[in-house]
Amino acid sequence: MNKKFTFYPEGVCSMMIEIALDGDVIDDVVFTGGCNGNLSGISKLIKGMKAEDVIDRLEGTKCGFKDTSCPDQLSKALRAAMAQQ
């Protein structure tokens, strides 16, 4: 059974991340705002992966001079979603 979660990132261009999880596996991720091509590509690449594996790969990714990035915020969103299950 899929559970859906909404996360509001901070310090990046994307304004919202919607996540659908099937247990600990990512079923879908949709970003609102940000670099559409890159974020759509990331969403496709991580579909079917375990959330913890994605967190391990993306956590701490920086965007230019910023201390965070959309991938880093996605790792935070996944961590929050996993904690809510």
C-alpha atoms as a PDB file:
ATOM      1  CA  MET A   1       0.000   0.000   0.000  1.00  0.00           C
ATOM      2  CA  ASN A   2       1.432   3.364  -1.039  1.00  0.00           C
ATOM      3  CA  LYS A   3       1.716   6.169   1.457  1.00  0.00           C
ATOM      4  CA  LYS A   4       2.064   9.719   0.174  1.00  0.00           C
ATOM      5  CA  PHE A   5       4.106  12.422   1.853  1.00  0.00           C
ATOM      6  CA  THR A   6       4.586  16.127   1.163  1.00  0.00           C
ATOM      7  CA  PHE A   7       7.777  17.996   2.052  1.00  0.00           C
ATOM      8  CA  TYR A   8       8.551  21.704   1.714  1.00  0.00           C
ATOM      9  CA  PRO A   9      12.273  22.159   0.982  1.00  0.00           C
ATOM     10  CA  GLU A  10      14.329  25.073   2.255  1.00  0.00           C
ATOM     11  CA  GLY A  11      17.137  26.985   0.552  1.00  0.00           C
ATOM     12  CA  VAL A  12      16.511  25.625  -2.965  1.00  0.00           C
ATOM     13  CA  CYS A  13      14.471  26.506  -6.052  1.00  0.00           C
ATOM     14  CA  SER A  14      11.960  23.671  -5.726  1.00  0.00           C
ATOM     15  CA  MET A  15       8.982  24.559  -3.552  1.00  0.00           C
ATOM     16  CA  MET A  16       7.489  21.141  -2.798  1.00  0.00           C
ATOM     17  CA  ILE A  17       8.437  17.460  -2.993  1.00  0.00           C
ATOM     18  CA  GLU A  18       5.695  14.826  -3.087  1.00  0.00           C
ATOM     19  CA  ILE A  19       6.768  11.258  -2.333  1.00  0.00           C
ATOM     20  CA  ALA A  20       4.894   7.969  -2.669  1.00  0.00           C
ATOM     21  CA  LEU A  21       6.445   5.067  -0.748  1.00  0.00           C
ATOM     22  CA  ASP A  22       5.561   1.393  -0.814  1.00  0.00           C
ATOM     23  CA  GLY A  23       7.100   0.362   2.496  1.00  0.00           C
ATOM     24  CA  ASP A  24      10.722   1.479   2.183  1.00  0.00           C
ATOM     25  CA  VAL A  25      10.693   1.540  -1.643  1.00  0.00           C
ATOM     26  CA  ILE A  26      10.163   4.730  -3.643  1.00  0.00           C
ATOM     27  CA  ASP A  27       7.153   4.458  -5.935  1.00  0.00           C
ATOM     28  CA  ASP A  28       7.095   8.065  -7.169  1.00  0.00           C
ATOM     29  CA  VAL A  29       8.643  11.484  -6.513  1.00  0.00           C
ATOM     30  CA  VAL A  30       7.297  14.752  -7.930  1.00  0.00           C
ATOM     31  CA  PHE A  31       9.070  18.095  -7.529  1.00  0.00           C
ATOM     32  CA  THR A  32       7.245  21.419  -7.862  1.00  0.00           C
ATOM     33  CA  GLY A  33       9.593  24.124  -9.105  1.00  0.00           C
ATOM     34  CA  GLY A  34      13.315  23.819  -9.607  1.00  0.00           C
ATOM     35  CA  CYS A  35      15.161  22.534 -12.683  1.00  0.00           C
ATOM     36  CA  ASN A  36      12.437  20.425 -14.280  1.00  0.00           C
ATOM     37  CA  GLY A  37      14.647  18.305 -16.539  1.00  0.00           C
ATOM     38  CA  ASN A  38      17.166  17.416 -13.846  1.00  0.00           C
ATOM     39  CA  LEU A  39      14.576  16.776 -11.152  1.00  0.00           C
ATOM     40  CA  SER A  40      12.370  14.695 -13.470  1.00  0.00           C
ATOM     41  CA  GLY A  41      15.453  12.655 -14.343  1.00  0.00           C
ATOM     42  CA  ILE A  42      16.321  12.099 -10.681  1.00  0.00           C
ATOM     43  CA  SER A  43      12.726  11.038 -10.002  1.00  0.00           C
ATOM     44  CA  LYS A  44      12.888   8.436 -12.768  1.00  0.00           C
ATOM     45  CA  LEU A  45      16.293   7.148 -11.669  1.00  0.00           C
ATOM     46  CA  ILE A  46      15.276   6.543  -8.052  1.00  0.00           C
ATOM     47  CA  LYS A  47      11.887   4.922  -8.725  1.00  0.00           C
ATOM     48  CA  GLY A  48      11.980   1.389  -7.318  1.00  0.00           C
ATOM     49  CA  MET A  49      15.014   2.065  -5.106  1.00  0.00           C
ATOM     50  CA  LYS A  50      15.058   1.714  -1.339  1.00  0.00           C
ATOM     51  CA  ALA A  51      14.715   5.103   0.341  1.00  0.00           C
ATOM     52  CA  GLU A  52      17.774   4.523   2.551  1.00  0.00           C
ATOM     53  CA  ASP A  53      19.969   3.857  -0.512  1.00  0.00           C
ATOM     54  CA  VAL A  54      18.848   7.139  -2.082  1.00  0.00           C
ATOM     55  CA  ILE A  55      19.438   9.006   1.195  1.00  0.00           C
ATOM     56  CA  ASP A  56      22.970   7.567   1.389  1.00  0.00           C
ATOM     57  CA  ARG A  57      23.753   8.698  -2.173  1.00  0.00           C
ATOM     58  CA  LEU A  58      22.202  12.179  -2.154  1.00  0.00           C
ATOM     59  CA  GLU A  59      22.600  13.473   1.401  1.00  0.00           C
ATOM     60  CA  GLY A  60      25.040  16.379   1.622  1.00  0.00           C
ATOM     61  CA  THR A  61      24.952  17.256  -2.093  1.00  0.00           C
ATOM     62  CA  LYS A  62      25.523  20.989  -2.540  1.00  0.00           C
ATOM     63  CA  CYS A  63      24.342  23.350  -5.286  1.00  0.00           C
ATOM     64  CA  GLY A  64      26.984  25.925  -6.142  1.00  0.00           C
ATOM     65  CA  PHE A  65      27.702  28.048  -3.063  1.00  0.00           C
ATOM     66  CA  LYS A  66      24.614  26.801  -1.177  1.00  0.00           C
ATOM     67  CA  ASP A  67      24.911  24.377   1.742  1.00  0.00           C
ATOM     68  CA  THR A  68      22.100  22.269   0.264  1.00  0.00           C
ATOM     69  CA  SER A  69      20.544  21.277  -3.064  1.00  0.00           C
ATOM     70  CA  CYS A  70      17.351  19.717  -4.365  1.00  0.00           C
ATOM     71  CA  PRO A  71      18.915  16.220  -4.097  1.00  0.00           C
ATOM     72  CA  ASP A  72      19.981  16.975  -0.507  1.00  0.00           C
ATOM     73  CA  GLN A  73      16.478  18.236   0.293  1.00  0.00           C
ATOM     74  CA  LEU A  74      15.085  15.047  -1.262  1.00  0.00           C
ATOM     75  CA  SER A  75      17.211  13.035   1.174  1.00  0.00           C
ATOM     76  CA  LYS A  76      15.713  15.076   4.038  1.00  0.00           C
ATOM     77  CA  ALA A  77      12.208  14.523   2.623  1.00  0.00           C
ATOM     78  CA  LEU A  78      12.791  10.764   2.407  1.00  0.00           C
ATOM     79  CA  ARG A  79      14.155  10.663   5.942  1.00  0.00           C
ATOM     80  CA  ALA A  80      11.046  12.517   7.200  1.00  0.00           C
ATOM     81  CA  ALA A  81       8.728  10.236   5.207  1.00  0.00           C
ATOM     82  CA  MET A  82      10.399   7.120   6.602  1.00  0.00           C
ATOM     83  CA  ALA A  83      10.038   8.492  10.142  1.00  0.00           C
ATOM     84  CA  GLN A  84       6.284   9.036   9.597  1.00  0.00           C
ATOM     85  CA  GLN A  85       5.650   5.425   8.564  1.00  0.00           C
END
